[in-house]
Protein backbone atom coordinates (compact mmCIF):
# COMPACT_ATOMS: atom_id res chain seq x y z
CA MET A 1 42.88 68.69 137.81
CA ASN A 2 46.52 67.59 138.06
CA ASN A 3 47.49 66.44 141.57
CA ASN A 4 50.09 69.20 141.68
CA ALA A 5 47.43 71.87 141.31
CA LEU A 6 46.14 73.38 144.52
CA ALA A 7 42.47 74.33 144.61
CA CYS A 8 40.09 74.45 147.53
CA THR A 9 36.59 75.91 147.34
CA PRO A 10 35.50 78.21 148.80
CA ASN A 11 38.50 80.32 149.79
CA THR A 12 37.28 80.70 153.37
CA SER A 13 37.58 76.94 153.92
CA LEU A 14 41.33 77.24 153.53
CA PHE A 15 41.53 79.32 156.69
CA GLU A 16 38.70 77.80 158.70
CA GLU A 17 40.94 76.84 161.61
CA ASP A 18 42.73 80.19 161.53
CA ASP A 19 39.40 82.08 161.56
CA ARG A 20 37.94 79.96 164.35
CA LEU A 21 40.94 80.00 166.65
CA ILE A 22 42.87 83.20 165.94
CA GLU A 23 40.50 85.67 164.31
CA GLN A 24 37.69 85.02 166.77
CA PHE A 25 40.08 85.25 169.72
CA LEU A 26 41.40 88.61 168.52
CA ALA A 27 37.87 89.88 167.84
CA ARG A 28 36.81 89.40 171.45
CA LEU A 29 39.93 90.66 173.24
CA THR A 30 39.32 92.35 176.57
CA PRO A 31 41.58 95.26 177.55
CA ASP A 32 43.48 93.03 179.98
CA ALA A 33 43.89 90.27 177.40
CA HIS A 34 45.13 92.81 174.90
CA LYS A 35 47.76 94.08 177.35
CA ARG A 36 48.90 90.52 177.95
CA LEU A 37 49.14 89.88 174.21
CA ILE A 38 51.18 93.04 173.59
CA ALA A 39 53.50 92.10 176.47
CA ALA A 40 54.03 88.67 174.87
CA GLN A 41 54.76 90.36 171.55
CA LYS A 42 57.40 92.52 173.21
CA ARG A 43 59.07 89.47 174.76
CA PHE A 44 59.13 87.83 171.35
CA CYS A 45 60.63 90.93 169.73
CA ASP A 46 63.28 91.02 172.46
CA SER A 47 64.19 87.39 171.80
CA LEU A 48 64.51 88.07 168.06
CA SER A 49 66.79 91.02 168.75
CA SER A 50 68.90 89.14 171.27
CA GLU A 51 69.56 86.45 168.64
CA GLY A 52 70.65 89.09 166.12
CA LEU A 53 67.68 88.81 163.75
CA ASN A 54 67.12 92.10 161.94
CA PHE A 55 65.89 93.75 158.77
CA GLU A 56 68.24 96.45 157.49
CA GLY A 57 69.50 97.12 161.00
CA LYS A 58 66.04 97.32 162.54
CA SER A 59 64.18 94.69 164.53
CA TYR A 60 62.99 91.69 162.51
CA PRO A 61 59.24 92.42 162.06
CA VAL A 62 57.61 89.13 163.06
CA SER A 63 54.20 89.11 164.71
CA ILE A 64 53.34 86.79 167.58
CA ARG A 65 50.15 86.05 165.61
CA PRO A 66 50.68 82.89 163.52
CA LEU A 67 48.93 81.81 160.35
CA ILE A 68 47.35 78.36 160.66
CA LEU A 69 47.47 76.13 157.58
CA SER A 70 45.86 72.71 157.35
CA ASN A 71 48.08 69.69 156.81
CA GLU A 72 46.45 69.21 153.41
CA THR A 73 47.26 72.77 152.33
CA VAL A 74 50.85 72.37 153.53
CA ALA A 75 51.26 69.16 151.53
CA GLN A 76 49.81 70.71 148.39
CA LEU A 77 51.93 73.87 148.60
CA GLN A 78 54.97 71.69 149.20
CA THR A 79 54.24 69.69 146.04
CA LEU A 80 53.61 72.89 144.10
CA GLY A 81 56.91 74.46 145.19
CA GLU A 82 58.90 71.36 144.33
CA GLY A 83 57.13 71.16 140.97
CA PHE A 84 58.30 74.65 140.09
CA ALA A 85 61.93 73.65 140.58
CA ARG A 86 61.35 71.46 137.52
CA VAL A 87 59.47 74.25 135.69
CA PHE A 88 62.43 76.60 136.17
CA ASP A 89 64.85 74.01 134.78
CA HIS A 90 62.76 73.76 131.61
CA ALA A 91 62.20 77.51 131.35
CA ALA A 92 65.93 78.17 131.64
CA ARG A 93 66.72 75.87 128.76
CA ILE A 94 63.96 77.39 126.64
CA TYR A 95 65.42 80.86 127.30
CA VAL A 96 68.85 79.72 126.14
CA GLU A 97 67.59 77.89 123.04
CA ASN A 98 64.77 80.18 121.85
CA GLU A 99 65.58 83.65 120.57
CA GLN A 100 61.89 84.64 120.46
CA VAL A 101 61.55 83.90 124.17
CA ARG A 102 64.53 86.12 124.92
CA THR A 103 62.72 89.10 123.38
CA LEU A 104 60.56 89.10 126.53
CA PHE A 105 63.66 90.15 128.49
CA PRO A 106 65.12 93.19 126.70
CA ALA A 107 66.97 94.46 129.79
CA TYR A 108 69.49 91.63 129.43
CA LYS A 109 70.12 91.92 125.68
CA ASN A 110 73.76 92.94 126.10
CA SER A 111 74.40 90.37 128.82
CA GLU A 112 72.27 87.41 127.79
CA HIS A 113 75.28 85.50 126.43
CA LEU A 114 76.55 85.17 129.99
CA THR A 115 73.57 82.96 130.86
CA PHE A 116 73.98 80.44 128.05
CA ASN A 117 76.46 78.14 129.82
CA LEU A 118 74.10 76.52 132.34
CA PRO A 119 75.76 75.08 135.46
CA GLY A 120 76.20 71.35 135.80
CA HIS A 121 73.81 70.74 138.65
CA SER A 122 70.12 70.02 138.92
CA PRO A 123 67.92 71.71 139.83
CA LEU A 124 69.47 74.84 138.36
CA VAL A 125 67.73 77.14 140.82
CA ARG A 126 68.99 75.98 144.20
CA ILE A 127 67.21 78.54 146.37
CA PHE A 128 63.91 80.22 145.58
CA ARG A 129 60.72 81.50 147.17
CA LEU A 130 57.34 81.53 145.46
CA ASP A 131 55.26 84.52 146.63
CA GLY A 132 51.54 84.11 146.23
CA LEU A 133 47.93 84.47 147.30
CA PHE A 134 44.82 82.32 147.31
CA ASP A 135 42.25 83.70 144.90
CA SER A 136 38.50 83.90 145.46
CA ASP A 137 38.10 80.29 144.26
CA GLY A 138 40.71 79.04 146.72
CA VAL A 139 43.40 78.48 144.07
CA TYR A 140 46.95 79.44 145.01
CA ARG A 141 48.30 81.98 142.50
CA ILE A 142 52.01 82.72 142.21
CA LEU A 143 52.80 86.41 141.84
CA GLU A 144 56.61 86.36 141.85
CA THR A 145 59.32 83.71 141.48
CA ASN A 146 62.18 85.11 143.64
CA THR A 147 64.85 82.93 142.05
CA ASP A 148 67.68 85.41 142.63
CA CYS A 149 68.49 85.88 146.34
CA PRO A 150 65.25 85.84 148.35
CA GLY A 151 65.22 87.22 151.88
CA GLY A 152 64.45 85.16 154.95
CA VAL A 153 66.38 82.07 153.93
CA ILE A 154 68.01 81.78 157.37
CA GLN A 155 66.12 84.17 159.62
CA ASN A 156 62.63 82.80 159.05
CA GLY A 157 63.62 79.36 160.28
CA LEU A 158 65.28 80.87 163.34
CA ALA A 159 62.26 83.10 163.97
CA GLY A 160 60.00 80.05 163.86
CA ARG A 161 62.08 78.30 166.51
CA LEU A 162 62.10 81.37 168.76
CA TRP A 163 58.36 81.86 168.29
CA ALA A 164 57.74 78.26 169.44
CA GLU A 165 59.48 79.02 172.74
CA ILE A 166 57.26 82.01 173.61
CA ASP A 167 54.36 81.78 176.07
CA ASN A 168 51.68 82.75 173.55
CA PRO A 169 48.23 83.82 174.80
CA LEU A 170 46.79 83.17 171.34
CA LEU A 171 47.35 79.42 171.55
CA GLU A 172 46.74 78.40 175.15
CA GLY A 173 45.54 74.81 175.21
CA ILE A 174 46.06 74.37 171.47
CA GLY A 175 48.57 71.81 170.28
CA HIS A 176 50.48 73.24 167.35
CA SER A 177 53.68 72.78 165.39
CA VAL A 178 56.23 74.76 163.39
CA ASP A 179 58.72 71.93 163.01
CA PHE A 180 57.07 70.45 159.91
CA GLN A 181 59.23 73.06 158.15
CA PRO A 182 62.75 71.72 157.50
CA PHE A 183 64.41 75.13 157.89
CA VAL A 184 62.97 75.40 161.40
CA ASN A 185 64.40 72.03 162.38
CA ASP A 186 67.82 72.68 160.87
CA PRO A 187 69.13 76.27 161.08
CA ASP A 188 71.94 75.31 158.67
CA LEU A 189 69.66 73.91 155.97
CA PHE A 190 70.26 76.84 153.60
CA LEU A 191 74.05 76.70 154.05
CA LYS A 192 74.16 72.94 153.59
CA GLU A 193 72.27 73.33 150.33
CA LEU A 194 74.89 75.76 149.02
CA LEU A 195 77.64 73.28 149.86
CA SER A 196 75.64 70.44 148.32
CA ALA A 197 75.22 72.36 145.06
CA HIS A 198 78.97 72.94 144.84
CA PHE A 199 79.73 69.28 145.49
CA GLN A 200 77.18 68.17 142.90
CA ARG A 201 78.70 70.49 140.30
CA THR A 202 82.37 69.73 140.96
CA GLY A 203 82.60 66.46 142.88
CA GLN A 204 84.72 68.29 145.47
CA PRO A 205 83.89 69.98 148.79
CA ALA A 206 84.09 73.76 148.82
CA ARG A 207 87.44 75.08 150.04
CA ARG A 208 86.70 78.81 150.24
CA ALA A 209 83.45 80.74 149.79
CA ALA A 210 82.27 84.32 149.55
CA ILE A 211 78.96 85.99 150.22
CA VAL A 212 78.92 88.59 147.48
CA THR A 213 77.36 92.02 147.88
CA PHE A 214 77.69 95.18 145.80
CA LYS A 215 77.96 98.79 146.90
CA GLY A 216 76.93 97.92 150.46
CA ARG A 217 73.35 97.00 149.59
CA PHE A 218 71.18 94.07 150.75
CA LYS A 219 73.07 93.13 153.90
CA ASN A 220 70.30 91.12 155.57
CA GLU A 221 71.47 87.67 156.67
CA VAL A 222 74.94 88.20 155.21
CA ALA A 223 76.67 88.05 158.60
CA GLN A 224 74.76 84.87 159.47
CA MET A 225 75.74 83.29 156.15
CA VAL A 226 79.41 84.13 156.64
CA ALA A 227 79.47 82.91 160.25
CA GLY A 228 77.54 79.75 159.42
CA LEU A 229 79.77 78.65 156.56
CA ASN A 230 82.86 79.28 158.67
CA ARG A 231 81.33 77.19 161.45
CA LEU A 232 80.70 74.40 158.93
CA GLY A 233 84.40 74.42 158.07
CA VAL A 234 84.47 76.54 154.89
CA PRO A 235 86.50 79.77 155.19
CA THR A 236 84.11 82.50 154.08
CA GLU A 237 84.04 86.29 153.92
CA GLU A 238 81.73 88.96 152.62
CA VAL A 239 83.21 90.36 149.40
CA ASP A 240 82.11 93.18 147.12
CA ALA A 241 81.51 91.93 143.57
CA ALA A 242 83.86 94.60 142.19
CA ASP A 243 86.74 93.13 144.21
CA LEU A 244 86.54 89.68 142.60
CA LYS A 245 88.86 89.00 139.65
CA ARG A 246 89.76 86.19 137.25
CA ARG A 247 93.19 84.61 137.37
CA ASP A 248 94.41 81.45 135.60
CA GLY A 249 90.92 80.01 135.27
CA HIS A 250 89.90 80.80 138.84
CA LEU A 251 87.98 83.49 140.70
CA VAL A 252 90.15 85.24 143.27
CA ASP A 253 89.71 87.94 145.90
CA LEU A 254 91.96 90.98 146.41
CA GLN A 255 94.45 88.85 148.36
CA GLY A 256 94.71 86.39 145.47
CA ARG A 257 92.89 83.61 147.32
CA VAL A 258 90.82 81.29 145.14
CA ILE A 259 87.07 81.45 145.74
CA ASP A 260 85.30 78.34 144.50
CA MET A 261 81.74 79.02 145.74
CA THR A 262 79.74 82.24 146.00
CA TYR A 263 76.25 83.18 147.08
CA ASN A 264 74.91 86.49 145.84
CA LYS A 265 73.10 89.10 147.92
CA LEU A 266 72.52 91.50 145.07
CA ASP A 267 69.88 93.47 143.24
CA LEU A 268 69.63 91.79 139.85
CA ARG A 269 69.65 95.24 138.20
CA ASP A 270 73.07 96.06 139.69
CA LEU A 271 74.76 93.40 137.55
CA ILE A 272 73.34 94.44 134.17
CA ASP A 273 75.98 96.04 131.92
CA GLU A 274 78.06 97.00 134.95
CA PRO A 275 81.79 97.07 134.08
CA LEU A 276 82.87 96.87 137.73
CA VAL A 277 81.52 93.31 138.00
CA SER A 278 82.45 92.06 134.53
CA GLU A 279 85.23 89.75 135.73
CA TYR A 280 82.95 88.22 138.33
CA LEU A 281 80.24 87.58 135.74
CA ASP A 282 82.74 86.19 133.22
CA ALA A 283 84.02 83.77 135.86
CA ALA A 284 80.45 82.64 136.52
CA SER A 285 79.71 82.20 132.81
CA ASN A 286 82.91 80.19 132.31
CA ALA A 287 82.15 77.87 135.25
CA GLU A 288 85.23 79.03 137.15
CA VAL A 289 83.17 79.30 140.34
CA THR A 290 79.97 77.79 141.72
CA PHE A 291 77.81 80.89 141.37
CA LEU A 292 74.57 80.61 143.36
CA ASN A 293 71.96 81.22 142.30
CA PRO A 294 73.28 81.06 138.69
CA LEU A 295 72.95 84.02 136.34
CA ILE A 296 69.96 82.49 134.58
CA SER A 297 68.24 82.72 137.99
CA GLN A 298 69.47 86.22 138.81
CA TRP A 299 68.12 87.67 135.57
CA PRO A 300 65.36 86.13 133.39
CA LEU A 301 63.95 83.64 135.88
CA ALA A 302 63.67 86.35 138.55
CA ASP A 303 62.33 88.99 136.16
CA LYS A 304 58.56 89.41 136.29
CA ALA A 305 58.49 88.86 132.53
CA ILE A 306 58.96 85.16 133.34
CA MET A 307 55.32 85.27 134.43
CA ALA A 308 54.39 86.37 130.91
CA LEU A 309 56.29 83.41 129.52
CA LEU A 310 54.58 81.02 131.90
CA SER A 311 51.06 82.34 131.28
CA ASP A 312 51.06 82.80 127.48
CA PRO A 313 49.57 79.76 125.69
CA LYS A 314 52.03 80.11 122.78
CA MET A 315 54.97 80.05 125.17
CA LEU A 316 53.49 77.30 127.33
CA ALA A 317 53.48 75.03 124.29
CA LEU A 318 57.27 74.88 124.69
CA LEU A 319 56.94 73.21 128.10
CA PRO A 320 56.15 69.58 128.95
CA GLU A 321 52.46 68.96 129.63
CA GLU A 322 53.00 68.45 133.37
CA ASP A 323 54.59 71.90 133.60
CA ARG A 324 51.86 73.46 131.47
CA GLU A 325 49.19 72.25 133.88
CA LEU A 326 51.01 73.73 136.85
CA CYS A 327 51.41 77.07 135.09
CA ARG A 328 47.86 77.21 133.73
CA THR A 329 46.49 76.66 137.24
CA HIS A 330 48.84 78.74 139.35
CA ILE A 331 50.24 81.56 137.19
CA PRO A 332 47.83 84.51 136.81
CA TRP A 333 47.34 86.08 133.38
CA THR A 334 50.46 88.19 132.72
CA ARG A 335 51.74 89.99 129.62
CA LEU A 336 54.72 92.17 128.79
CA LEU A 337 53.23 95.63 128.35
CA ALA A 338 53.74 96.57 124.69
CA ALA A 339 51.66 97.76 121.78
CA GLY A 340 50.21 95.00 119.64
CA GLN A 341 47.96 91.98 119.67
CA SER A 342 47.72 89.48 122.50
CA SER A 343 45.08 87.30 124.15
CA ASN A 344 42.90 87.95 127.20
CA PRO A 345 42.52 85.54 130.14
CA GLN A 346 39.84 83.65 128.17
CA GLY A 347 42.21 83.20 125.23
CA GLN A 348 40.41 85.65 122.93
CA PRO A 349 42.45 88.01 120.71
CA ILE A 350 42.78 91.58 121.99
CA ASP A 351 44.65 94.81 121.40
CA LEU A 352 46.69 94.67 124.59
CA ILE A 353 46.96 98.38 125.42
CA SER A 354 43.25 99.00 124.82
CA TYR A 355 42.41 96.02 127.01
CA VAL A 356 44.67 97.24 129.81
CA ARG A 357 43.15 100.72 129.71
CA ARG A 358 39.61 99.32 130.03
CA HIS A 359 40.21 96.73 132.74
CA ARG A 360 41.98 98.74 135.47
CA PRO A 361 39.99 97.19 138.41
CA HIS A 362 41.26 93.73 137.48
CA LEU A 363 44.92 94.45 136.72
CA VAL A 364 48.29 95.43 138.21
CA LEU A 365 51.19 97.22 136.49
CA LYS A 366 54.69 96.11 137.55
CA PRO A 367 58.22 97.06 136.48
CA SER A 368 59.61 93.78 135.23
CA ASN A 369 62.86 93.79 137.17
CA ALA A 370 62.26 96.04 140.18
CA THR A 371 62.22 94.82 143.79
CA ARG A 372 60.22 95.53 146.96
CA GLY A 373 57.16 96.76 145.09
CA GLU A 374 58.97 99.70 143.47
CA GLY A 375 56.87 101.37 140.78
CA LEU A 376 53.96 98.97 141.20
CA LEU A 377 50.47 100.29 140.47
CA VAL A 378 47.50 98.27 141.74
CA GLY A 379 44.53 98.99 139.49
CA PRO A 380 41.69 98.71 142.05
CA PHE A 381 43.51 101.21 144.30
CA ALA A 382 44.25 103.74 141.54
CA THR A 383 42.05 106.27 139.81
CA GLN A 384 41.52 105.93 136.08
CA GLU A 385 43.65 109.02 135.57
CA GLN A 386 46.51 107.50 137.59
CA TRP A 387 46.12 104.27 135.64
CA GLU A 388 46.30 106.05 132.27
CA GLN A 389 49.36 107.97 133.41
CA GLY A 390 50.97 104.75 134.63
CA ILE A 391 50.42 103.05 131.27
CA CYS A 392 51.90 106.01 129.37
CA SER A 393 54.92 106.22 131.68
CA ALA A 394 55.53 102.48 131.36
CA LEU A 395 55.34 102.55 127.57
CA GLU A 396 57.54 105.63 127.21
CA GLY A 397 60.10 104.84 129.91
CA PRO A 398 63.41 103.00 129.57
CA HIS A 399 62.34 99.92 131.55
CA SER A 400 59.99 97.06 130.73
CA PHE A 401 56.69 96.60 132.56
CA VAL A 402 54.32 93.69 132.84
CA VAL A 403 50.58 93.79 133.36
CA GLN A 404 49.12 91.06 135.55
CA GLN A 405 45.73 89.91 136.74
CA TYR A 406 44.97 91.38 140.17
CA ILE A 407 44.58 88.73 142.88
CA GLN A 408 42.97 90.08 146.03
CA GLY A 409 44.66 88.96 149.21
CA ARG A 410 42.91 87.77 152.32
CA THR A 411 42.59 90.20 155.22
CA LEU A 412 43.39 89.10 158.74
CA SER A 413 43.95 90.63 162.16
CA ALA A 414 47.57 90.77 163.26
CA VAL A 415 49.55 92.13 166.17
CA HIS A 416 51.93 94.64 164.64
CA PRO A 417 55.35 94.15 166.28
CA ASP A 418 56.42 97.78 165.84
CA LEU A 419 53.14 99.58 166.54
CA GLY A 420 51.98 97.41 169.44
CA VAL A 421 48.40 97.30 168.14
CA THR A 422 46.14 94.72 166.55
CA GLU A 423 45.01 95.76 163.08
CA SER A 424 43.38 94.34 159.95
CA MET A 425 45.97 93.74 157.23
CA TRP A 426 46.31 92.16 153.78
CA SER A 427 48.11 88.80 153.83
CA GLY A 428 49.80 86.22 151.64
CA VAL A 429 51.75 82.96 151.93
CA ASP A 430 55.17 82.23 150.40
CA THR A 431 56.93 78.91 149.91
CA TYR A 432 60.70 78.33 150.17
CA VAL A 433 62.40 75.58 148.16
CA TYR A 434 66.04 74.55 148.66
CA GLY A 435 67.64 72.14 146.22
CA GLY A 436 64.28 71.20 144.73
CA ARG A 437 62.81 70.31 148.13
CA PHE A 438 60.33 72.16 150.31
CA ALA A 439 62.10 74.14 153.05
CA GLY A 440 59.39 76.15 154.79
CA PHE A 441 56.97 79.05 154.63
CA GLN A 442 56.66 82.69 155.43
CA ALA A 443 53.40 84.58 155.69
CA ARG A 444 53.34 88.31 155.08
CA ALA A 445 50.88 90.97 156.20
CA SER A 446 50.66 94.64 155.36
CA PHE A 447 48.42 97.68 155.53
CA ASP A 448 49.37 98.17 151.87
CA PRO A 449 48.03 95.72 149.23
CA VAL A 450 51.66 95.57 148.05
CA MET A 451 52.88 93.20 150.74
CA ASN A 452 56.59 93.61 151.30
CA VAL A 453 58.71 93.87 154.44
CA GLY A 454 60.64 96.62 152.68
CA ARG A 455 57.37 98.61 152.58
CA LYS A 456 56.62 98.33 156.33
CA GLY A 457 55.06 94.90 156.01
CA ILE A 458 55.39 92.24 158.72
CA LEU A 459 55.88 88.48 158.86
CA LEU A 460 53.77 85.81 160.55
CA PRO A 461 54.94 82.36 161.68
CA VAL A 462 53.20 79.53 159.83
CA ILE A 463 51.93 76.60 161.89
CA THR A 464 49.77 73.49 161.76
CA LEU A 465 47.55 72.19 164.54
CA LYS A 466 47.99 68.99 166.50
CA GLU A 467 44.56 69.17 168.13
CA LEU A 468 41.46 71.27 167.65
CA ALA A 469 40.14 72.53 170.97
CA ARG A 470 39.90 75.80 172.82
């Protein structure tokens, strides 16, 4: 197997240290120890709130319970994340050059021309987060690419630093570390990457920036981004996308001030065929502003149909062999849901819809460009009747759906920061990459197999151990 491919067998060996030190500790909690743990969780929540960390105006839902990863797993996930920065560069160029590939992304038909002028910096995708799970064989499988404007780019690093300062009953006598993650060590890492991308593209430092929102949505971390860029010497404001206009080859705000760098906190669907943001998008397409992440990242590379591109053998043939190996190993079987012939995970020809109907326990239905688990149907947790209805609705509706191999997440015990109880939850691990380099992790946990903070999920700090003793 290619050195970039991550596989450990069996799956349980990946979390041996976590099971031995955290799971066993939580399993034998006495009432007094539980009270002490909940008190520590409250202190941690208070410290998060006092530093202004939040999710949609509510407390930032981080558990005091960490996830322990081995140094080997960290190194392999780091290599994998950095490898996908290269994969996205190649996939973007294939999208631009190959009309057949663009048929996988019908939602952007009227706007695809805006993506053709790729920005002059590499990697193209400056900020992304790979969301994934380890399968039953211990192989890390990527479920979503998050190349648009992933959450947690600032707050997760800050949360890791605050977590490290808490007196934590779970880790008494255990040497551990969070500072192997660059975004924990440097709270400005994300902001510096934005400025670096602009300098690489233009050869000039940014003079004025905007954090761009639309219709008041997706405000998380916006205030921190604005304050941080101002502190780093770049005048910056939050601006609604509809208030940005083109003038004399520049992007300007309502006061006529030139904006030469923007970062987008948007729902990718809000930009599609929306006349209110047409001047902003035209400025991005014409390279009149450093638009981060670029439109190719906001649309096709963030759409779940990219997983169909990266898992279909015919499409993979368009990639370099090194990229093919990464995708074959780490992208689960995914297809755009449509009538016609395809191939199953073993490469055998199938009628796709008939196959999907018969294999509900092994599949997931997903809207291709929705966020936060909207409209997602997990086959093993649906009845056959619900599954059949979901297929019909997906085929008859106005939006594209993908069907993907179901990867079962690991369950773990976690202290829920809002409920004040310790419960068994589904979990996954996500990898952040800034400028083609590993930036850090987040771990998610949820009562729902659809793990998303927007669906009452929580976050766990990710740590490594310095010594193994309790």
